[in-house]
Amino acid sequence: MKITPLDIRQKRFETALRGFSKREVEAFLELIAGEFEEVVKENIGLKEELKRTQLKLEQHLERERTLQETMVTAQRISEDMKGAAKKEAEIILADAEHQAEKIVHGAHQRLVQVVEDINELKRQRAQFESQVKSVVEAHQKLLETFSGRTFADKDYARVEDNVAYLTQKKAQNGE
């Protein structure tokens, strides 16, 4: 039986010759002591459980703080990594642009060299054409010189006339 504060207040002891019955008072006190002992034990148990719960709570709070710090650190590291990646990307892009400029510059120099080579070849061609034309003109003049009647051609006709005349004479005389 559990004793409540009301039971204690309403409990009446019989009076004996010298006051309350000693046995009833002692039995009641023993009952109250037992109940009170249970209450004290329960109270101690609850206090210990409260301490364990508070310890767990502190551990959980510490874990939460650690997790928050870890998250903040991870976020900071993530931002640092993003910044580093961005810088690296900018460096790579700048390097690529530099390489592209070098390639374009090299191509432009090659183009200039090719144009100069073409112009040199055109100059050489014009010079060659001029030389060939001079040779052709010289040969043309030679051909014109030889195609006209020369002294030898005139002599040849006269020599043939003389040979024909002499042959005729000889034929007349030798007949």
C-alpha atoms as a PDB file:
ATOM      1  CA  MET A   1       0.000   0.000   0.000  1.00  0.00           C
ATOM      2  CA  LYS A   2       1.270   3.450  -0.988  1.00  0.00           C
ATOM      3  CA  ILE A   3       0.928   6.144   1.575  1.00  0.00           C
ATOM      4  CA  THR A   4      -0.034   9.564   0.427  1.00  0.00           C
ATOM      5  CA  PRO A   5       0.386  12.842   2.331  1.00  0.00           C
ATOM      6  CA  LEU A   6      -3.361  12.782   2.934  1.00  0.00           C
ATOM      7  CA  ASP A   7      -3.090   9.390   4.674  1.00  0.00           C
ATOM      8  CA  ILE A   8      -0.427  10.777   6.956  1.00  0.00           C
ATOM      9  CA  ARG A   9      -2.547  13.829   7.798  1.00  0.00           C
ATOM     10  CA  GLN A  10      -5.688  11.823   8.473  1.00  0.00           C
ATOM     11  CA  LYS A  11      -4.030   9.115  10.526  1.00  0.00           C
ATOM     12  CA  ARG A  12      -5.282   9.128  14.148  1.00  0.00           C
ATOM     13  CA  PHE A  13      -3.619   7.234  16.842  1.00  0.00           C
ATOM     14  CA  GLU A  14      -5.549   5.703  19.711  1.00  0.00           C
ATOM     15  CA  THR A  15      -4.720   7.080  22.993  1.00  0.00           C
ATOM     16  CA  ALA A  16      -3.540   4.811  25.633  1.00  0.00           C
ATOM     17  CA  LEU A  17      -2.923   5.357  29.169  1.00  0.00           C
ATOM     18  CA  ARG A  18       0.121   7.176  28.560  1.00  0.00           C
ATOM     19  CA  GLY A  19      -0.631   8.533  25.095  1.00  0.00           C
ATOM     20  CA  PHE A  20      -0.604   6.890  21.674  1.00  0.00           C
ATOM     21  CA  SER A  21      -0.202   3.203  21.162  1.00  0.00           C
ATOM     22  CA  LYS A  22       3.457   2.674  20.790  1.00  0.00           C
ATOM     23  CA  ARG A  23       3.050  -0.319  18.528  1.00  0.00           C
ATOM     24  CA  GLU A  24       0.764   1.514  16.075  1.00  0.00           C
ATOM     25  CA  VAL A  25       3.010   4.532  15.971  1.00  0.00           C
ATOM     26  CA  GLU A  26       6.091   2.370  15.394  1.00  0.00           C
ATOM     27  CA  ALA A  27       4.335   0.291  12.705  1.00  0.00           C
ATOM     28  CA  PHE A  28       3.143   3.433  10.989  1.00  0.00           C
ATOM     29  CA  LEU A  29       6.584   4.971  11.224  1.00  0.00           C
ATOM     30  CA  GLU A  30       8.105   1.785   9.823  1.00  0.00           C
ATOM     31  CA  LEU A  31       5.603   1.854   6.953  1.00  0.00           C
ATOM     32  CA  ILE A  32       6.322   5.532   6.305  1.00  0.00           C
ATOM     33  CA  ALA A  33      10.055   4.926   6.573  1.00  0.00           C
ATOM     34  CA  GLY A  34       9.796   2.086   4.033  1.00  0.00           C
ATOM     35  CA  GLU A  35       7.779   4.205   1.658  1.00  0.00           C
ATOM     36  CA  PHE A  36      10.048   7.156   2.208  1.00  0.00           C
ATOM     37  CA  GLU A  37      13.076   4.915   1.593  1.00  0.00           C
ATOM     38  CA  GLU A  38      11.571   3.868  -1.722  1.00  0.00           C
ATOM     39  CA  VAL A  39      10.914   7.494  -2.554  1.00  0.00           C
ATOM     40  CA  VAL A  40      14.497   8.406  -1.661  1.00  0.00           C
ATOM     41  CA  LYS A  41      15.865   5.489  -3.728  1.00  0.00           C
ATOM     42  CA  GLU A  42      13.618   6.487  -6.629  1.00  0.00           C
ATOM     43  CA  ASN A  43      14.710  10.079  -6.188  1.00  0.00           C
ATOM     44  CA  ILE A  44      18.377   9.009  -6.224  1.00  0.00           C
ATOM     45  CA  GLY A  45      17.728   6.838  -9.286  1.00  0.00           C
ATOM     46  CA  LEU A  46      15.973   9.706 -11.002  1.00  0.00           C
ATOM     47  CA  LYS A  47      18.802  12.066 -10.129  1.00  0.00           C
ATOM     48  CA  GLU A  48      21.333   9.579 -11.551  1.00  0.00           C
ATOM     49  CA  GLU A  49      19.190   9.145 -14.662  1.00  0.00           C
ATOM     50  CA  LEU A  50      18.940  12.929 -14.911  1.00  0.00           C
ATOM     51  CA  LYS A  51      22.752  13.167 -14.675  1.00  0.00           C
ATOM     52  CA  ARG A  52      23.147  10.513 -17.395  1.00  0.00           C
ATOM     53  CA  THR A  53      20.567  12.267 -19.533  1.00  0.00           C
ATOM     54  CA  GLN A  54      22.281  15.612 -18.970  1.00  0.00           C
ATOM     55  CA  LEU A  55      25.639  14.018 -19.811  1.00  0.00           C
ATOM     56  CA  LYS A  56      24.147  12.577 -22.998  1.00  0.00           C
ATOM     57  CA  LEU A  57      22.601  15.940 -23.736  1.00  0.00           C
ATOM     58  CA  GLU A  58      25.968  17.631 -23.242  1.00  0.00           C
ATOM     59  CA  GLN A  59      27.578  15.021 -25.488  1.00  0.00           C
ATOM     60  CA  HIS A  60      24.897  15.599 -28.112  1.00  0.00           C
ATOM     61  CA  LEU A  61      25.324  19.357 -27.783  1.00  0.00           C
ATOM     62  CA  GLU A  62      29.093  18.935 -28.117  1.00  0.00           C
ATOM     63  CA  ARG A  63      28.573  16.768 -31.195  1.00  0.00           C
ATOM     64  CA  GLU A  64      26.201  19.364 -32.575  1.00  0.00           C
ATOM     65  CA  ARG A  65      28.814  22.102 -31.993  1.00  0.00           C
ATOM     66  CA  THR A  66      31.466  19.886 -33.587  1.00  0.00           C
ATOM     67  CA  LEU A  67      29.176  19.188 -36.538  1.00  0.00           C
ATOM     68  CA  GLN A  68      28.421  22.886 -36.909  1.00  0.00           C
ATOM     69  CA  GLU A  69      32.128  23.710 -36.767  1.00  0.00           C
ATOM     70  CA  THR A  70      32.797  20.925 -39.247  1.00  0.00           C
ATOM     71  CA  MET A  71      30.090  22.249 -41.538  1.00  0.00           C
ATOM     72  CA  VAL A  72      31.494  25.774 -41.288  1.00  0.00           C
ATOM     73  CA  THR A  73      34.989  24.427 -41.949  1.00  0.00           C
ATOM     74  CA  ALA A  74      33.719  22.317 -44.852  1.00  0.00           C
ATOM     75  CA  GLN A  75      31.891  25.331 -46.241  1.00  0.00           C
ATOM     76  CA  ARG A  76      35.031  27.454 -45.890  1.00  0.00           C
ATOM     77  CA  ILE A  77      37.122  24.721 -47.518  1.00  0.00           C
ATOM     78  CA  SER A  78      34.526  24.417 -50.277  1.00  0.00           C
ATOM     79  CA  GLU A  79      34.654  28.162 -50.881  1.00  0.00           C
ATOM     80  CA  ASP A  80      38.460  28.074 -50.817  1.00  0.00           C
ATOM     81  CA  MET A  81      38.432  25.184 -53.297  1.00  0.00           C
ATOM     82  CA  LYS A  82      35.991  27.069 -55.514  1.00  0.00           C
ATOM     83  CA  GLY A  83      38.241  30.125 -55.333  1.00  0.00           C
ATOM     84  CA  ALA A  84      41.327  28.046 -56.090  1.00  0.00           C
ATOM     85  CA  ALA A  85      39.529  26.304 -58.963  1.00  0.00           C
ATOM     86  CA  LYS A  86      38.418  29.672 -60.308  1.00  0.00           C
ATOM     87  CA  LYS A  87      41.966  31.015 -60.100  1.00  0.00           C
ATOM     88  CA  GLU A  88      43.299  27.866 -61.744  1.00  0.00           C
ATOM     89  CA  ALA A  89      40.681  28.178 -64.485  1.00  0.00           C
ATOM     90  CA  GLU A  90      41.689  31.812 -65.003  1.00  0.00           C
ATOM     91  CA  ILE A  91      45.338  30.785 -65.205  1.00  0.00           C
ATOM     92  CA  ILE A  92      44.527  28.001 -67.671  1.00  0.00           C
ATOM     93  CA  LEU A  93      42.399  30.400 -69.716  1.00  0.00           C
ATOM     94  CA  ALA A  94      45.139  33.049 -69.702  1.00  0.00           C
ATOM     95  CA  ASP A  95      47.685  30.412 -70.723  1.00  0.00           C
ATOM     96  CA  ALA A  96      45.393  29.183 -73.500  1.00  0.00           C
ATOM     97  CA  GLU A  97      44.888  32.755 -74.707  1.00  0.00           C
ATOM     98  CA  HIS A  98      48.643  33.290 -74.643  1.00  0.00           C
ATOM     99  CA  GLN A  99      49.183  30.072 -76.610  1.00  0.00           C
ATOM    100  CA  ALA A 100      46.481  31.136 -79.065  1.00  0.00           C
ATOM    101  CA  GLU A 101      48.167  34.509 -79.501  1.00  0.00           C
ATOM    102  CA  LYS A 102      51.487  32.778 -80.119  1.00  0.00           C
ATOM    103  CA  ILE A 103      49.862  30.484 -82.689  1.00  0.00           C
ATOM    104  CA  VAL A 104      48.129  33.417 -84.411  1.00  0.00           C
ATOM    105  CA  HIS A 105      51.364  35.418 -84.342  1.00  0.00           C
ATOM    106  CA  GLY A 106      53.264  32.445 -85.785  1.00  0.00           C
ATOM    107  CA  ALA A 107      50.603  31.975 -88.461  1.00  0.00           C
ATOM    108  CA  HIS A 108      50.744  35.683 -89.271  1.00  0.00           C
ATOM    109  CA  GLN A 109      54.533  35.542 -89.569  1.00  0.00           C
ATOM    110  CA  ARG A 110      54.224  32.465 -91.772  1.00  0.00           C
ATOM    111  CA  LEU A 111      51.650  34.304 -93.900  1.00  0.00           C
ATOM    112  CA  VAL A 112      53.991  37.281 -94.246  1.00  0.00           C
ATOM    113  CA  GLN A 113      56.818  34.900 -95.217  1.00  0.00           C
ATOM    114  CA  VAL A 114      54.585  33.124 -97.769  1.00  0.00           C
ATOM    115  CA  VAL A 115      53.497  36.476 -99.254  1.00  0.00           C
ATOM    116  CA  GLU A 116      57.156  37.546 -99.467  1.00  0.00           C
ATOM    117  CA  ASP A 117      58.024  34.214-101.112  1.00  0.00           C
ATOM    118  CA  ILE A 118      55.162  34.661-103.596  1.00  0.00           C
ATOM    119  CA  ASN A 119      56.301  38.199-104.391  1.00  0.00           C
ATOM    120  CA  GLU A 120      59.894  36.950-104.853  1.00  0.00           C
ATOM    121  CA  LEU A 121      58.645  34.192-107.161  1.00  0.00           C
ATOM    122  CA  LYS A 122      56.596  36.745-109.131  1.00  0.00           C
ATOM    123  CA  ARG A 123      59.681  38.946-109.428  1.00  0.00           C
ATOM    124  CA  GLN A 124      61.769  35.954-110.542  1.00  0.00           C
ATOM    125  CA  ARG A 125      59.036  34.983-113.024  1.00  0.00           C
ATOM    126  CA  ALA A 126      58.905  38.493-114.455  1.00  0.00           C
ATOM    127  CA  GLN A 127      62.703  38.496-114.698  1.00  0.00           C
ATOM    128  CA  PHE A 128      62.647  35.058-116.347  1.00  0.00           C
ATOM    129  CA  GLU A 129      59.882  36.134-118.767  1.00  0.00           C
ATOM    130  CA  SER A 130      61.905  39.246-119.589  1.00  0.00           C
ATOM    131  CA  GLN A 131      65.025  37.159-120.200  1.00  0.00           C
ATOM    132  CA  VAL A 132      63.085  34.651-122.348  1.00  0.00           C
ATOM    133  CA  LYS A 133      61.488  37.499-124.242  1.00  0.00           C
ATOM    134  CA  SER A 134      64.939  39.041-124.844  1.00  0.00           C
ATOM    135  CA  VAL A 135      66.258  35.687-126.080  1.00  0.00           C
ATOM    136  CA  VAL A 136      63.199  35.234-128.332  1.00  0.00           C
ATOM    137  CA  GLU A 137      63.569  38.757-129.685  1.00  0.00           C
ATOM    138  CA  ALA A 138      67.283  38.184-130.295  1.00  0.00           C
ATOM    139  CA  HIS A 139      66.533  34.954-132.146  1.00  0.00           C
ATOM    140  CA  GLN A 140      63.731  36.709-134.036  1.00  0.00           C
ATOM    141  CA  LYS A 141      66.205  39.344-135.179  1.00  0.00           C
ATOM    142  CA  LEU A 142      68.634  36.628-136.202  1.00  0.00           C
ATOM    143  CA  LEU A 143      65.880  34.883-138.139  1.00  0.00           C
ATOM    144  CA  GLU A 144      64.928  38.134-139.798  1.00  0.00           C
ATOM    145  CA  THR A 145      68.557  38.762-140.620  1.00  0.00           C
ATOM    146  CA  PHE A 146      68.962  35.305-142.179  1.00  0.00           C
ATOM    147  CA  SER A 147      65.606  35.283-143.919  1.00  0.00           C
ATOM    148  CA  GLY A 148      66.407  38.310-146.061  1.00  0.00           C
ATOM    149  CA  ARG A 149      68.540  37.998-149.190  1.00  0.00           C
ATOM    150  CA  THR A 150      72.119  38.047-148.260  1.00  0.00           C
ATOM    151  CA  PHE A 151      75.256  38.524-150.274  1.00  0.00           C
ATOM    152  CA  ALA A 152      75.802  34.773-150.421  1.00  0.00           C
ATOM    153  CA  ASP A 153      72.267  34.290-151.786  1.00  0.00           C
ATOM    154  CA  LYS A 154      72.930  36.850-154.484  1.00  0.00           C
ATOM    155  CA  ASP A 155      76.282  35.220-155.323  1.00  0.00           C
ATOM    156  CA  TYR A 156      74.693  31.815-155.445  1.00  0.00           C
ATOM    157  CA  ALA A 157      72.301  32.906-158.128  1.00  0.00           C
ATOM    158  CA  ARG A 158      75.130  34.399-160.131  1.00  0.00           C
ATOM    159  CA  VAL A 159      77.263  31.287-159.679  1.00  0.00           C
ATOM    160  CA  GLU A 160      74.376  29.144-160.921  1.00  0.00           C
ATOM    161  CA  ASP A 161      73.981  31.353-163.915  1.00  0.00           C
ATOM    162  CA  ASN A 162      77.677  31.031-164.620  1.00  0.00           C
ATOM    163  CA  VAL A 163      77.589  27.251-164.197  1.00  0.00           C
ATOM    164  CA  ALA A 164      74.595  27.011-166.490  1.00  0.00           C
ATOM    165  CA  TYR A 165      76.296  29.195-169.054  1.00  0.00           C
ATOM    166  CA  LEU A 166      79.525  27.258-168.857  1.00  0.00           C
ATOM    167  CA  THR A 167      77.709  23.997-169.118  1.00  0.00           C
ATOM    168  CA  GLN A 168      75.995  25.203-172.205  1.00  0.00           C
ATOM    169  CA  LYS A 169      79.214  26.370-173.695  1.00  0.00           C
ATOM    170  CA  LYS A 170      80.915  23.181-172.987  1.00  0.00           C
ATOM    171  CA  ALA A 171      78.072  21.361-174.528  1.00  0.00           C
ATOM    172  CA  GLN A 172      78.349  23.483-177.584  1.00  0.00           C
ATOM    173  CA  ASN A 173      82.080  23.116-177.840  1.00  0.00           C
ATOM    174  CA  GLY A 174      82.338  19.569-176.966  1.00  0.00           C
ATOM    175  CA  GLU A 175      79.766  18.276-179.023  1.00  0.00           C
END
